[in-house]
């Protein structure tokens, strides 16, 4: 039985960073050290709460755990309902880990409006955790939209020269998808109310609404577009390179490490279980877009001259793998996708941290401006090589474990699909190793002449991520064990709901046939 403390754990994980963000705003402007200290304390406190949740989580159960349900908007049937299962546990843990490490690695490079920066960052963390634990769809939508505001300001105030353009583009793209999703949520809720007589936005209630096949497909598309923009899938990807390049380093880390996973999480949490027939029918289209993203993102990364833009396009490619595993719709593919969401957050988040560190020293990100960095920054180069090789998928690293499961799931679905996806792994190795050769090796030249190696604080921010690279690489079962029962339950629920929807359509057609026959008989008997 849950204790009172357990019942409040998820709310505490949401409230801790939000409270720290408010506290930072109350600190006088000149006290930068105190502001950073409060922000780090709030972020690490959130990590401690999530670590406690992890230790109390029953990895063998597919059920929602640590659930809380409180009245919220009674007139709409909306409740404050949160919970966590194997689909969300890894992503909540990733968010709670990346936030303090990102602050540790980047907050000292922010010198203007530090209070506001730290507050927006912490509010963003609270909203992201809320997205992953919300079990009322109206509450989910509130957190989903709340996340946009701090990220918009992080890019728009502390970004680069084209920050206003990048922030507005990010906001408009995401908002457009969100409106479609809100319409779909309302349609589901009103259909459920018509069937049961009670309006509800609860996850379980809306997941049980019986839909005609045509309407199911339209609602799937409304949700899918919102999630595809967030991933982003082709052709909705154009906001991402601009946002990454213009965002401050901390914004880029969180954008790549967590925000993009909201789209892939949405596909898993809502599209597959709510709309199983539409998911299956449109899976070839989604798989095609995922493959296109894998190859396109890799080719674009190969063509970049800016380090940050190269890592940004690598995200398009890597998230294509995640979507591929989801829509393979088998246990290997889906578990691999969940693991790869975490791996991408670790590896790409670390790469953005490293790019930010070298930019702070050299004030340039152009690949052509560097040469021989490994000679003047040996520790930096060693860490960078670890994350590059993990991104490539070297055996023994986390990237290998995730990509192997996804490719296994892809081959189970289709041999051709697996072969085409594997080509993205090869392209990934090419663009990353070419970058490594040009930046880290050869004669010391250009901006590398004035570089100094990373310091203790930066090292502390990166070492936990290095440890996770090898922990997941050698013992992935530790991290996938909690996800596997939830994935099996998800795929089983898809099958059951698909059968229920087909039976519902058959009953509707049968009733319609009887009605038509009765009318025909009635018409024939008339004089």
Protein backbone atom coordinates (compact mmCIF):
# COMPACT_ATOMS: atom_id res chain seq x y z
CA UNK A 1 0.00 0.00 0.00
CA UNK A 2 1.29 3.48 -0.85
CA UNK A 3 2.30 5.68 2.07
CA UNK A 4 1.47 9.36 2.35
CA UNK A 5 5.05 10.22 1.42
CA UNK A 6 4.92 8.09 -1.71
CA UNK A 7 1.66 9.67 -2.74
CA UNK A 8 3.35 13.08 -2.83
CA UNK A 9 6.66 12.09 -4.41
CA UNK A 10 5.81 13.04 -8.00
CA UNK A 11 4.28 16.33 -6.93
CA UNK A 12 7.45 17.03 -4.97
CA UNK A 13 9.55 16.29 -8.06
CA UNK A 14 7.52 18.89 -9.98
CA UNK A 15 7.37 21.42 -7.14
CA UNK A 16 11.05 21.34 -6.12
CA UNK A 17 12.50 22.99 -9.25
CA UNK A 18 9.53 25.37 -9.52
CA UNK A 19 10.00 26.48 -5.90
CA UNK A 20 13.74 26.89 -6.44
CA UNK A 21 13.00 29.00 -9.52
CA UNK A 22 10.77 31.29 -7.48
CA UNK A 23 13.35 31.47 -4.69
CA UNK A 24 16.07 32.54 -7.12
CA UNK A 25 13.91 35.48 -8.23
CA UNK A 26 13.84 36.75 -4.63
CA UNK A 27 17.64 36.88 -4.32
CA UNK A 28 19.20 40.34 -4.85
CA UNK A 29 20.65 40.97 -8.30
CA UNK A 30 24.30 41.24 -7.35
CA UNK A 31 24.46 37.90 -5.50
CA UNK A 32 25.34 35.69 -8.48
CA UNK A 33 26.97 32.98 -6.34
CA UNK A 34 23.89 32.72 -4.13
CA UNK A 35 21.62 32.59 -7.17
CA UNK A 36 23.61 29.74 -8.71
CA UNK A 37 23.75 27.98 -5.34
CA UNK A 38 19.97 28.11 -4.89
CA UNK A 39 19.39 26.90 -8.45
CA UNK A 40 21.81 23.99 -8.07
CA UNK A 41 20.30 23.08 -4.70
CA UNK A 42 16.81 22.95 -6.22
CA UNK A 43 17.99 20.88 -9.19
CA UNK A 44 19.93 18.41 -7.05
CA UNK A 45 17.03 18.17 -4.59
CA UNK A 46 14.81 17.19 -7.53
CA UNK A 47 17.36 14.57 -8.53
CA UNK A 48 17.32 13.19 -4.97
CA UNK A 49 13.51 12.91 -5.04
CA UNK A 50 13.58 11.10 -8.38
CA UNK A 51 16.36 8.80 -7.15
CA UNK A 52 14.14 7.92 -4.18
CA UNK A 53 11.25 7.21 -6.57
CA UNK A 54 13.55 4.97 -8.62
CA UNK A 55 14.54 2.93 -5.56
CA UNK A 56 10.88 2.49 -4.57
CA UNK A 57 9.69 1.63 -8.07
CA UNK A 58 8.51 -1.97 -8.62
CA UNK A 59 10.31 -2.88 -11.86
CA UNK A 60 8.29 -6.06 -12.28
CA UNK A 61 4.92 -4.31 -12.46
CA UNK A 62 3.49 -2.66 -15.57
CA UNK A 63 1.01 -0.65 -13.49
CA UNK A 64 1.12 3.05 -12.71
CA UNK A 65 2.90 3.72 -9.42
CA UNK A 66 3.20 6.67 -7.03
CA UNK A 67 -0.21 7.82 -8.30
CA UNK A 68 -1.84 10.99 -7.00
CA UNK A 69 -5.35 12.13 -7.84
CA UNK A 70 -6.79 15.39 -6.57
CA UNK A 71 -9.75 17.53 -7.64
CA UNK A 72 -8.77 20.23 -10.13
CA UNK A 73 -11.41 21.62 -12.55
CA UNK A 74 -14.50 19.74 -11.40
CA UNK A 75 -16.82 21.42 -13.88
CA UNK A 76 -14.79 19.92 -16.75
CA UNK A 77 -14.14 16.58 -15.10
CA UNK A 78 -10.41 17.33 -15.05
CA UNK A 79 -8.28 16.13 -12.13
CA UNK A 80 -4.72 16.55 -10.98
CA UNK A 81 -3.77 12.95 -11.77
CA UNK A 82 -0.11 11.96 -11.96
CA UNK A 83 1.66 8.62 -11.96
CA UNK A 84 4.73 6.88 -13.27
CA UNK A 85 5.35 3.56 -15.03
CA UNK A 86 8.14 1.94 -17.01
CA UNK A 87 7.46 4.15 -20.03
CA UNK A 88 8.05 7.36 -18.09
CA UNK A 89 10.48 6.38 -15.32
CA UNK A 90 13.62 6.56 -17.48
CA UNK A 91 12.62 9.91 -18.96
CA UNK A 92 11.85 11.48 -15.58
CA UNK A 93 15.21 10.23 -14.32
CA UNK A 94 16.96 11.63 -17.41
CA UNK A 95 15.34 15.04 -16.87
CA UNK A 96 16.27 15.13 -13.19
CA UNK A 97 19.88 14.17 -13.96
CA UNK A 98 20.54 16.47 -16.90
CA UNK A 99 19.17 19.60 -15.22
CA UNK A 100 21.75 19.95 -12.40
CA UNK A 101 24.62 18.76 -14.59
CA UNK A 102 23.68 21.30 -17.25
CA UNK A 103 23.53 24.09 -14.69
CA UNK A 104 26.88 23.00 -13.29
CA UNK A 105 28.44 23.02 -16.74
CA UNK A 106 26.88 26.18 -18.19
CA UNK A 107 25.51 28.59 -15.57
CA UNK A 108 28.89 30.29 -15.08
CA UNK A 109 28.93 31.38 -18.73
CA UNK A 110 25.72 33.40 -18.18
CA UNK A 111 26.59 36.90 -16.95
CA UNK A 112 23.53 38.93 -17.97
CA UNK A 113 20.13 38.55 -16.26
CA UNK A 114 21.34 35.51 -14.37
CA UNK A 115 18.33 35.37 -12.00
CA UNK A 116 15.87 35.22 -14.87
CA UNK A 117 17.94 32.61 -16.71
CA UNK A 118 18.11 30.29 -13.71
CA UNK A 119 14.41 30.75 -12.95
CA UNK A 120 13.32 29.98 -16.50
CA UNK A 121 15.59 26.94 -16.53
CA UNK A 122 14.08 25.56 -13.32
CA UNK A 123 10.50 26.29 -14.42
CA UNK A 124 11.30 24.40 -17.62
CA UNK A 125 12.49 21.40 -15.61
CA UNK A 126 9.27 21.37 -13.59
CA UNK A 127 7.12 21.48 -16.73
CA UNK A 128 9.11 18.69 -18.40
CA UNK A 129 8.68 16.36 -15.43
CA UNK A 130 4.98 17.24 -15.41
CA UNK A 131 4.63 16.20 -19.05
CA UNK A 132 6.06 12.74 -18.33
CA UNK A 133 3.89 12.01 -15.28
CA UNK A 134 0.53 13.62 -16.15
CA UNK A 135 -2.33 11.10 -16.46
CA UNK A 136 -5.09 13.61 -17.11
CA UNK A 137 -4.91 14.81 -20.70
CA UNK A 138 -5.91 18.37 -19.86
CA UNK A 139 -3.18 18.44 -17.23
CA UNK A 140 -0.76 16.95 -19.77
CA UNK A 141 -1.68 19.70 -22.21
CA UNK A 142 -1.09 22.40 -19.57
CA UNK A 143 2.40 21.08 -18.83
CA UNK A 144 3.06 20.64 -22.57
CA UNK A 145 2.23 24.29 -23.21
CA UNK A 146 3.91 25.56 -20.03
CA UNK A 147 7.19 24.12 -21.28
CA UNK A 148 7.09 26.41 -24.33
CA UNK A 149 7.27 29.65 -22.35
CA UNK A 150 10.61 29.25 -20.52
CA UNK A 151 12.28 27.68 -23.57
CA UNK A 152 11.06 30.56 -25.74
CA UNK A 153 12.68 33.06 -23.38
CA UNK A 154 15.87 31.02 -22.94
CA UNK A 155 16.40 31.14 -26.70
CA UNK A 156 15.00 34.63 -27.24
CA UNK A 157 16.98 36.42 -24.49
CA UNK A 158 20.24 34.48 -24.10
CA UNK A 159 20.57 33.11 -27.62
CA UNK A 160 22.77 34.15 -30.54
CA UNK A 161 22.42 36.83 -33.17
CA UNK A 162 19.24 35.38 -34.74
CA UNK A 163 17.69 34.43 -31.41
CA UNK A 164 14.39 36.25 -31.93
CA UNK A 165 13.80 34.46 -35.23
CA UNK A 166 14.75 31.05 -33.81
CA UNK A 167 12.62 31.49 -30.67
CA UNK A 168 9.56 32.58 -32.64
CA UNK A 169 9.95 29.74 -35.13
CA UNK A 170 10.24 27.21 -32.30
CA UNK A 171 7.16 28.65 -30.60
CA UNK A 172 4.97 28.81 -33.73
CA UNK A 173 5.84 25.31 -34.94
CA UNK A 174 5.18 23.74 -31.56
CA UNK A 175 2.06 25.80 -30.92
CA UNK A 176 0.55 24.80 -34.26
CA UNK A 177 0.87 21.13 -33.40
CA UNK A 178 -0.42 21.74 -29.89
CA UNK A 179 -3.66 23.27 -31.16
CA UNK A 180 -4.37 20.16 -33.24
CA UNK A 181 -3.70 17.95 -30.24
CA UNK A 182 -6.03 20.03 -28.04
CA UNK A 183 -8.84 19.64 -30.58
CA UNK A 184 -8.30 15.87 -30.61
CA UNK A 185 -8.32 15.74 -26.79
CA UNK A 186 -11.61 17.64 -26.67
CA UNK A 187 -13.18 15.35 -29.30
CA UNK A 188 -12.15 12.28 -27.30
CA UNK A 189 -13.51 13.79 -24.08
CA UNK A 190 -16.89 14.73 -25.59
CA UNK A 191 -17.25 11.31 -27.24
CA UNK A 192 -16.51 9.71 -23.89
CA UNK A 193 -19.07 11.95 -22.18
CA UNK A 194 -21.69 11.01 -24.77
CA UNK A 195 -21.11 7.31 -24.06
CA UNK A 196 -20.86 7.47 -20.27
CA UNK A 197 -22.75 10.64 -19.40
CA UNK A 198 -19.75 12.06 -17.55
CA UNK A 199 -17.07 14.38 -18.92
CA UNK A 200 -13.54 13.19 -18.13
CA UNK A 201 -10.01 13.85 -19.35
CA UNK A 202 -8.50 10.92 -17.47
CA UNK A 203 -6.00 8.81 -19.40
CA UNK A 204 -7.82 5.54 -18.70
CA UNK A 205 -11.24 6.97 -19.62
CA UNK A 206 -10.15 8.52 -22.91
CA UNK A 207 -8.16 5.43 -23.78
CA UNK A 208 -11.36 3.40 -23.60
CA UNK A 209 -13.46 5.58 -25.95
CA UNK A 210 -14.69 3.52 -28.93
CA UNK A 211 -14.04 5.27 -32.23
CA UNK A 212 -15.15 4.65 -35.80
CA UNK A 213 -12.19 3.81 -38.05
CA UNK A 214 -12.28 7.08 -40.02
CA UNK A 215 -12.45 9.27 -36.91
CA UNK A 216 -9.70 7.24 -35.25
CA UNK A 217 -7.40 8.01 -38.15
CA UNK A 218 -8.10 11.74 -38.00
CA UNK A 219 -7.52 11.88 -34.25
CA UNK A 220 -4.31 9.88 -34.65
CA UNK A 221 -3.08 12.42 -37.20
CA UNK A 222 -3.91 15.33 -34.90
CA UNK A 223 -1.84 13.83 -32.07
CA UNK A 224 0.86 12.57 -34.43
CA UNK A 225 1.50 15.97 -36.03
CA UNK A 226 2.01 17.55 -32.59
CA UNK A 227 4.46 14.82 -31.62
CA UNK A 228 6.19 14.75 -35.03
CA UNK A 229 6.91 18.49 -34.76
CA UNK A 230 8.44 17.99 -31.33
CA UNK A 231 10.67 15.02 -32.34
CA UNK A 232 11.11 16.49 -35.05
CA UNK A 233 10.29 14.24 -38.01
CA UNK A 234 10.68 15.32 -41.60
CA UNK A 235 9.20 17.61 -42.93
CA UNK A 236 8.66 19.35 -39.56
CA UNK A 237 12.35 19.52 -38.67
CA UNK A 238 13.37 22.98 -39.90
CA UNK A 239 12.89 24.74 -36.55
CA UNK A 240 15.40 22.49 -34.78
CA UNK A 241 18.77 23.54 -36.30
CA UNK A 242 17.87 27.21 -35.86
CA UNK A 243 16.79 26.69 -32.25
CA UNK A 244 19.91 24.70 -31.39
CA UNK A 245 22.36 27.06 -33.04
CA UNK A 246 20.88 30.19 -31.48
CA UNK A 247 20.08 28.77 -28.03
CA UNK A 248 22.55 29.19 -25.16
CA UNK A 249 24.44 26.02 -24.33
CA UNK A 250 22.13 25.10 -21.44
CA UNK A 251 19.09 25.51 -23.66
CA UNK A 252 20.62 23.30 -26.35
CA UNK A 253 21.45 20.56 -23.85
CA UNK A 254 17.92 20.46 -22.45
CA UNK A 255 16.34 20.83 -25.88
CA UNK A 256 18.24 17.84 -27.25
CA UNK A 257 18.36 15.87 -24.01
CA UNK A 258 14.73 16.09 -22.93
CA UNK A 259 12.37 18.25 -25.00
CA UNK A 260 12.68 16.24 -28.20
CA UNK A 261 11.80 13.09 -26.22
CA UNK A 262 8.38 14.53 -25.47
CA UNK A 263 7.40 13.79 -29.06
CA UNK A 264 8.59 10.20 -29.02
CA UNK A 265 7.07 9.71 -25.55
CA UNK A 266 3.76 11.06 -26.89
CA UNK A 267 3.74 8.49 -29.67
CA UNK A 268 4.21 5.73 -27.10
CA UNK A 269 1.89 7.03 -24.41
CA UNK A 270 -1.02 8.18 -26.58
CA UNK A 271 -0.89 7.32 -30.28
CA UNK A 272 -0.21 3.59 -30.03
CA UNK A 273 -2.67 2.68 -27.23
CA UNK A 274 -5.43 5.17 -28.13
CA UNK A 275 -5.42 4.63 -31.90
CA UNK A 276 -4.05 1.12 -32.56
CA UNK A 277 -5.70 0.58 -35.95
CA UNK A 278 -4.60 3.95 -37.26
CA UNK A 279 -1.10 3.40 -35.83
CA UNK A 280 -0.83 0.11 -37.66
CA UNK A 281 -2.35 1.42 -40.89
CA UNK A 282 -0.15 4.52 -40.99
CA UNK A 283 2.99 2.86 -39.63
CA UNK A 284 4.54 2.53 -43.14
CA UNK A 285 4.23 6.30 -43.59
CA UNK A 286 5.79 7.04 -40.19
CA UNK A 287 8.54 4.47 -40.78
CA UNK A 288 9.28 6.07 -44.14
CA UNK A 289 9.57 9.51 -42.53
CA UNK A 290 11.80 8.06 -39.80
CA UNK A 291 14.13 6.48 -42.38
CA UNK A 292 14.22 9.72 -44.35
CA UNK A 293 15.13 11.59 -41.16
CA UNK A 294 17.90 9.12 -40.33
CA UNK A 295 19.58 9.49 -43.71
CA UNK A 296 18.81 13.18 -44.29
CA UNK A 297 19.99 14.19 -40.81
CA UNK A 298 23.25 12.27 -41.27
CA UNK A 299 23.94 13.76 -44.70
CA UNK A 300 23.19 17.26 -43.46
CA UNK A 301 25.48 16.74 -40.46
CA UNK A 302 28.25 15.66 -42.83
CA UNK A 303 27.88 18.94 -44.74
CA UNK A 304 28.10 21.28 -41.72
CA UNK A 305 30.96 23.64 -40.95
CA UNK A 306 29.56 24.67 -37.52
CA UNK A 307 30.10 22.19 -34.66
CA UNK A 308 26.80 23.03 -33.00
CA UNK A 309 24.84 22.69 -36.22
CA UNK A 310 26.49 19.32 -36.86
CA UNK A 311 25.32 18.03 -33.47
CA UNK A 312 21.86 19.54 -34.12
CA UNK A 313 21.42 17.62 -37.37
CA UNK A 314 22.73 14.48 -35.70
CA UNK A 315 19.68 14.75 -33.41
CA UNK A 316 17.37 14.60 -36.43
CA UNK A 317 19.11 11.38 -37.47
CA UNK A 318 19.23 9.78 -34.02
CA UNK A 319 15.60 10.57 -33.19
CA UNK A 320 14.66 8.94 -36.49
CA UNK A 321 15.99 5.69 -35.02
CA UNK A 322 13.80 6.16 -31.94
CA UNK A 323 10.63 6.65 -34.04
CA UNK A 324 11.63 3.67 -36.17
CA UNK A 325 11.77 1.41 -33.12
CA UNK A 326 8.43 2.68 -31.82
CA UNK A 327 6.57 2.00 -35.06
CA UNK A 328 8.20 -1.38 -35.56
CA UNK A 329 5.69 -2.13 -32.77
CA UNK A 330 7.47 -5.14 -31.33
CA UNK A 331 9.06 -5.50 -27.86
CA UNK A 332 12.66 -5.22 -29.08
CA UNK A 333 12.03 -2.08 -31.08
CA UNK A 334 9.98 -0.28 -28.42
CA UNK A 335 12.33 -1.13 -25.53
CA UNK A 336 15.28 -0.11 -27.71
CA UNK A 337 13.56 3.19 -28.46
CA UNK A 338 13.03 3.95 -24.79
CA UNK A 339 16.65 3.14 -24.05
CA UNK A 340 17.84 5.19 -27.01
CA UNK A 341 15.84 8.20 -25.82
CA UNK A 342 17.95 8.12 -22.68
CA UNK A 343 21.16 7.42 -24.61
CA UNK A 344 20.56 10.33 -26.96
CA UNK A 345 19.93 12.61 -24.00
CA UNK A 346 23.23 11.55 -22.43
CA UNK A 347 25.42 11.53 -25.54
CA UNK A 348 24.05 14.49 -27.46
CA UNK A 349 23.53 16.50 -24.28
CA UNK A 350 27.20 15.92 -23.43
CA UNK A 351 28.29 16.88 -26.96
CA UNK A 352 26.39 20.17 -26.70
CA UNK A 353 28.04 20.78 -23.31
CA UNK A 354 31.46 20.16 -24.87
CA UNK A 355 30.74 22.46 -27.83
CA UNK A 356 29.66 25.15 -25.38
CA UNK A 357 32.85 24.74 -23.35
CA UNK A 358 35.10 25.12 -26.39
CA UNK A 359 33.04 28.08 -27.62
CA UNK A 360 33.43 29.84 -24.26
CA UNK A 361 37.21 29.60 -24.72
CA UNK A 362 37.64 30.22 -28.45
CA UNK A 363 34.46 32.22 -29.27
CA UNK A 364 34.05 30.23 -32.46
CA UNK A 365 32.33 26.98 -33.39
CA UNK A 366 33.63 26.71 -36.96
CA UNK A 367 35.31 23.37 -37.61
CA UNK A 368 37.82 25.04 -39.94
CA UNK A 369 39.03 27.28 -37.08
CA UNK A 370 40.40 24.34 -35.10
CA UNK A 371 43.15 21.78 -35.42
CA UNK A 372 45.13 19.68 -32.96
CA UNK A 373 42.79 20.35 -30.03
CA UNK A 374 43.73 16.98 -28.48
CA UNK A 375 47.28 18.26 -27.88
CA UNK A 376 46.25 21.34 -25.92
CA UNK A 377 43.07 19.94 -24.31
CA UNK A 378 43.79 16.23 -23.70
CA UNK A 379 41.10 15.71 -21.03
CA UNK A 380 38.51 17.52 -23.12
CA UNK A 381 39.46 15.45 -26.18
CA UNK A 382 39.30 12.16 -24.27
CA UNK A 383 35.81 12.95 -22.98
CA UNK A 384 34.68 14.10 -26.41
CA UNK A 385 35.91 10.86 -27.97
CA UNK A 386 33.91 8.81 -25.46
CA UNK A 387 30.67 10.59 -26.36
CA UNK A 388 31.43 10.50 -30.09
CA UNK A 389 32.05 6.76 -30.00
CA UNK A 390 28.89 6.28 -27.91
CA UNK A 391 26.91 8.26 -30.49
CA UNK A 392 28.35 6.06 -33.23
CA UNK A 393 27.25 2.98 -31.30
CA UNK A 394 30.58 1.39 -30.39
CA UNK A 395 30.06 -1.95 -28.58
CA UNK A 396 30.42 -1.45 -24.85
CA UNK A 397 28.77 1.96 -24.93
CA UNK A 398 25.16 2.92 -24.37
CA UNK A 399 24.60 3.81 -28.02
CA UNK A 400 25.30 0.25 -29.11
CA UNK A 401 22.72 -1.24 -26.74
CA UNK A 402 19.95 1.07 -27.92
CA UNK A 403 20.72 0.92 -31.64
CA UNK A 404 21.10 -2.87 -31.58
CA UNK A 405 17.63 -3.35 -30.07
CA UNK A 406 16.08 -0.88 -32.51
CA UNK A 407 17.72 -2.54 -35.51
CA UNK A 408 16.65 -5.95 -34.21
CA UNK A 409 13.09 -4.67 -34.00
CA UNK A 410 13.39 -3.17 -37.50
CA UNK A 411 14.67 -6.44 -38.98
CA UNK A 412 11.82 -8.30 -37.29
CA UNK A 413 9.40 -5.97 -39.03
CA UNK A 414 11.15 -5.96 -42.42
CA UNK A 415 14.59 -6.96 -43.68
CA UNK A 416 14.69 -4.02 -46.08
CA UNK A 417 13.71 -1.67 -43.26
CA UNK A 418 16.56 -2.98 -41.13
CA UNK A 419 19.13 -2.66 -43.93
CA UNK A 420 18.13 0.92 -44.73
CA UNK A 421 18.21 1.86 -41.05
CA UNK A 422 21.66 0.31 -40.65
CA UNK A 423 22.95 2.63 -43.38
CA UNK A 424 22.26 5.51 -41.00
CA UNK A 425 24.67 3.97 -38.48
CA UNK A 426 27.40 3.97 -41.14
CA UNK A 427 26.69 7.58 -42.10
CA UNK A 428 26.74 8.57 -38.42
CA UNK A 429 30.20 7.11 -38.01
CA UNK A 430 31.40 9.00 -41.09
CA UNK A 431 30.28 12.50 -40.13
CA UNK A 432 31.39 12.19 -36.50
CA UNK A 433 34.81 10.71 -37.26
CA UNK A 434 35.46 13.27 -39.98
CA UNK A 435 34.70 16.00 -37.45
CA UNK A 436 37.01 14.38 -34.87
CA UNK A 437 39.88 14.17 -37.35
CA UNK A 438 39.55 17.80 -38.38
CA UNK A 439 39.10 19.29 -34.90
CA UNK A 440 41.17 17.11 -32.59
CA UNK A 441 44.10 15.83 -34.63
CA UNK A 442 46.79 17.24 -36.91
CA UNK A 443 48.93 20.26 -36.15
CA UNK A 444 47.79 22.71 -33.48
CA UNK A 445 46.39 25.64 -35.42
CA UNK A 446 43.88 28.48 -35.38
CA UNK A 447 41.73 28.90 -32.29
CA UNK A 448 43.31 25.85 -30.66
CA UNK A 449 46.47 27.86 -29.98
CA UNK A 450 44.79 29.77 -27.12
CA UNK A 451 42.71 26.98 -25.56
CA UNK A 452 43.02 25.68 -22.01
CA UNK A 453 41.75 22.32 -20.81
CA UNK A 454 38.50 21.95 -18.90
CA UNK A 455 38.35 22.69 -15.19
CA UNK A 456 37.05 20.76 -12.17
CA UNK A 457 33.50 22.09 -12.31
CA UNK A 458 33.14 21.16 -15.98
CA UNK A 459 34.68 17.77 -15.29
CA UNK A 460 32.18 17.11 -12.48
CA UNK A 461 29.35 17.91 -14.90
CA UNK A 462 30.62 15.41 -17.49
CA UNK A 463 31.91 12.47 -15.43
CA UNK A 464 28.44 11.16 -14.38
CA UNK A 465 27.46 11.06 -18.05
CA UNK A 466 30.65 9.16 -18.90
CA UNK A 467 29.83 6.61 -16.19
CA UNK A 468 26.33 6.17 -17.61
CA UNK A 469 27.72 5.61 -21.11
CA UNK A 470 29.54 2.52 -19.89
CA UNK A 471 26.99 1.43 -17.26
CA UNK A 472 24.25 1.25 -19.90
CA UNK A 473 26.67 -0.20 -22.45
CA UNK A 474 27.71 -3.11 -20.27
CA UNK A 475 24.54 -3.60 -18.18
CA UNK A 476 21.57 -2.32 -20.22
CA UNK A 477 19.25 -4.72 -18.41
CA UNK A 478 19.51 -2.60 -15.28
CA UNK A 479 17.87 0.24 -17.20
CA UNK A 480 15.48 -1.71 -19.42
CA UNK A 481 14.10 -4.01 -16.70
CA UNK A 482 11.58 -1.43 -15.54
CA UNK A 483 10.49 -0.66 -19.10
CA UNK A 484 9.93 -4.20 -20.36
CA UNK A 485 6.73 -5.02 -18.39
CA UNK A 486 5.21 -1.65 -19.39
CA UNK A 487 6.10 -2.25 -23.05
CA UNK A 488 4.54 -5.72 -22.99
CA UNK A 489 1.42 -4.24 -21.39
CA UNK A 490 1.32 -1.47 -24.01
CA UNK A 491 1.52 -3.89 -26.94
CA UNK A 492 -1.05 -6.15 -25.30
CA UNK A 493 -3.38 -3.19 -24.76
CA UNK A 494 -2.98 -2.26 -28.43
CA UNK A 495 -4.13 -5.73 -29.51
CA UNK A 496 -7.07 -5.73 -27.11
CA UNK A 497 -8.21 -2.26 -28.10
CA UNK A 498 -7.83 -3.04 -31.80
CA UNK A 499 -10.10 -6.06 -31.34
CA UNK A 500 -12.60 -3.99 -29.34
CA UNK A 501 -12.71 -1.29 -32.03
CA UNK A 502 -13.18 -3.84 -34.80
CA UNK A 503 -16.00 -5.49 -32.82
CA UNK A 504 -17.57 -2.07 -32.22
CA UNK A 505 -17.53 -1.31 -35.95
CA UNK A 506 -19.03 -4.72 -36.72
CA UNK A 507 -21.87 -4.07 -34.27
CA UNK A 508 -22.47 -0.64 -35.79
CA UNK A 509 -22.55 -2.11 -39.30
CA UNK A 510 -24.84 -4.90 -38.13
CA UNK A 511 -27.21 -2.42 -36.52
CA UNK A 512 -27.14 -0.29 -39.64
CA UNK A 513 -27.89 -3.32 -41.84
CA UNK A 514 -30.85 -4.26 -39.64
CA UNK A 515 -32.16 -0.69 -39.76
CA UNK A 516 -31.84 -0.59 -43.57
CA UNK A 517 -33.59 -3.96 -43.87
CA UNK A 518 -36.42 -2.85 -41.59
CA UNK A 519 -36.91 0.31 -43.57
CA UNK A 520 -36.91 -1.67 -46.82
CA UNK A 521 -39.46 -4.10 -45.48
CA UNK A 522 -41.57 -1.31 -44.14
CA UNK A 523 -41.43 0.49 -47.47
CA UNK A 524 -42.40 -2.66 -49.39
CA UNK A 525 -45.44 -3.25 -47.22
CA UNK A 526 -46.78 0.22 -47.77
CA UNK A 527 -49.62 0.54 -50.38
